[in-house]
Amino acid sequence: PTGAGDSAVAGLLSGLVERLPWPDRLARAVALSAATVVAPVAGEFDRATYETLVGKVAVAERLGAA
């Protein structure tokens, strides 16, 4: 689990640079963070896991959320 937070930030920032909408940025951050957790070496990520997960992460707006 080392580096998962850094990977989440990297996913958010790369989406910001690419001007992706927020749901896509968040999906990228979650998938990249999860792919980092399963990598055998700290600070790396498993690309196959990332590519599988990024298409499966669903971000939904929560009505009434502050």
C-alpha atoms as a PDB file:
ATOM      1  CA  PRO A   1       0.000   0.000   0.000  1.00  0.00           C
ATOM      2  CA  THR A   2       2.932   2.383  -0.137  1.00  0.00           C
ATOM      3  CA  GLY A   3       2.572   5.201  -2.604  1.00  0.00           C
ATOM      4  CA  ALA A   4      -1.177   4.813  -3.111  1.00  0.00           C
ATOM      5  CA  GLY A   5      -1.889   8.368  -1.969  1.00  0.00           C
ATOM      6  CA  ASP A   6       0.816   9.777  -4.208  1.00  0.00           C
ATOM      7  CA  SER A   7      -0.617   7.810  -7.115  1.00  0.00           C
ATOM      8  CA  ALA A   8      -4.095   9.173  -6.431  1.00  0.00           C
ATOM      9  CA  VAL A   9      -2.733  12.725  -6.538  1.00  0.00           C
ATOM     10  CA  ALA A  10      -0.849  11.925  -9.745  1.00  0.00           C
ATOM     11  CA  GLY A  11      -4.057  10.622 -11.299  1.00  0.00           C
ATOM     12  CA  LEU A  12      -5.954  13.770 -10.329  1.00  0.00           C
ATOM     13  CA  LEU A  13      -3.225  16.091 -11.581  1.00  0.00           C
ATOM     14  CA  SER A  14      -2.751  14.290 -14.885  1.00  0.00           C
ATOM     15  CA  GLY A  15      -6.493  14.530 -15.457  1.00  0.00           C
ATOM     16  CA  LEU A  16      -6.375  18.236 -14.635  1.00  0.00           C
ATOM     17  CA  VAL A  17      -3.561  18.812 -17.122  1.00  0.00           C
ATOM     18  CA  GLU A  18      -5.534  16.923 -19.772  1.00  0.00           C
ATOM     19  CA  ARG A  19      -8.659  18.944 -18.886  1.00  0.00           C
ATOM     20  CA  LEU A  20     -10.693  15.832 -18.156  1.00  0.00           C
ATOM     21  CA  PRO A  21     -14.048  16.260 -16.408  1.00  0.00           C
ATOM     22  CA  TRP A  22     -14.055  15.619 -12.641  1.00  0.00           C
ATOM     23  CA  PRO A  23     -15.620  12.142 -12.820  1.00  0.00           C
ATOM     24  CA  ASP A  24     -12.871  11.000 -15.193  1.00  0.00           C
ATOM     25  CA  ARG A  25     -10.165  12.530 -12.983  1.00  0.00           C
ATOM     26  CA  LEU A  26     -11.541  10.754  -9.940  1.00  0.00           C
ATOM     27  CA  ALA A  27     -11.832   7.437 -11.783  1.00  0.00           C
ATOM     28  CA  ARG A  28      -8.230   7.763 -12.914  1.00  0.00           C
ATOM     29  CA  ALA A  29      -7.088   8.557  -9.363  1.00  0.00           C
ATOM     30  CA  VAL A  30      -8.914   5.571  -7.867  1.00  0.00           C
ATOM     31  CA  ALA A  31      -7.688   3.146 -10.531  1.00  0.00           C
ATOM     32  CA  LEU A  32      -4.093   4.348 -10.312  1.00  0.00           C
ATOM     33  CA  SER A  33      -4.123   4.180  -6.524  1.00  0.00           C
ATOM     34  CA  ALA A  34      -5.492   0.628  -6.565  1.00  0.00           C
ATOM     35  CA  ALA A  35      -2.949  -0.423  -9.191  1.00  0.00           C
ATOM     36  CA  THR A  36      -0.204   0.908  -6.931  1.00  0.00           C
ATOM     37  CA  VAL A  37      -1.415  -1.134  -3.964  1.00  0.00           C
ATOM     38  CA  VAL A  38      -1.057  -4.413  -5.880  1.00  0.00           C
ATOM     39  CA  ALA A  39       2.376  -3.591  -7.327  1.00  0.00           C
ATOM     40  CA  PRO A  40       5.206  -5.609  -5.757  1.00  0.00           C
ATOM     41  CA  VAL A  41       7.508  -2.582  -5.435  1.00  0.00           C
ATOM     42  CA  ALA A  42       6.757   0.643  -3.563  1.00  0.00           C
ATOM     43  CA  GLY A  43       6.196   3.633  -5.824  1.00  0.00           C
ATOM     44  CA  GLU A  44       5.324   1.581  -8.896  1.00  0.00           C
ATOM     45  CA  PHE A  45       1.965   0.544 -10.331  1.00  0.00           C
ATOM     46  CA  ASP A  46       0.679  -2.399 -12.304  1.00  0.00           C
ATOM     47  CA  ARG A  47      -0.334  -1.043 -15.724  1.00  0.00           C
ATOM     48  CA  ALA A  48      -2.625  -3.971 -16.572  1.00  0.00           C
ATOM     49  CA  THR A  49      -4.526  -3.508 -13.310  1.00  0.00           C
ATOM     50  CA  TYR A  50      -4.802   0.230 -13.936  1.00  0.00           C
ATOM     51  CA  GLU A  51      -6.127  -0.238 -17.469  1.00  0.00           C
ATOM     52  CA  THR A  52      -8.666  -2.803 -16.279  1.00  0.00           C
ATOM     53  CA  LEU A  53      -9.897  -0.698 -13.378  1.00  0.00           C
ATOM     54  CA  VAL A  54     -10.021   2.731 -15.012  1.00  0.00           C
ATOM     55  CA  GLY A  55     -12.845   1.548 -17.260  1.00  0.00           C
ATOM     56  CA  LYS A  56     -14.738  -0.009 -14.360  1.00  0.00           C
ATOM     57  CA  VAL A  57     -14.656   2.814 -11.808  1.00  0.00           C
ATOM     58  CA  ALA A  58     -17.991   4.608 -11.692  1.00  0.00           C
ATOM     59  CA  VAL A  59     -18.290   8.088 -10.208  1.00  0.00           C
ATOM     60  CA  ALA A  60     -21.810   9.248  -9.448  1.00  0.00           C
ATOM     61  CA  GLU A  61     -23.063  12.565  -8.176  1.00  0.00           C
ATOM     62  CA  ARG A  62     -24.655  12.311  -4.776  1.00  0.00           C
ATOM     63  CA  LEU A  63     -27.731  14.478  -4.485  1.00  0.00           C
ATOM     64  CA  GLY A  64     -27.873  16.603  -1.380  1.00  0.00           C
ATOM     65  CA  ALA A  65     -24.143  16.300  -0.726  1.00  0.00           C
ATOM     66  CA  ALA A  66     -22.506  19.447   0.560  1.00  0.00           C
END
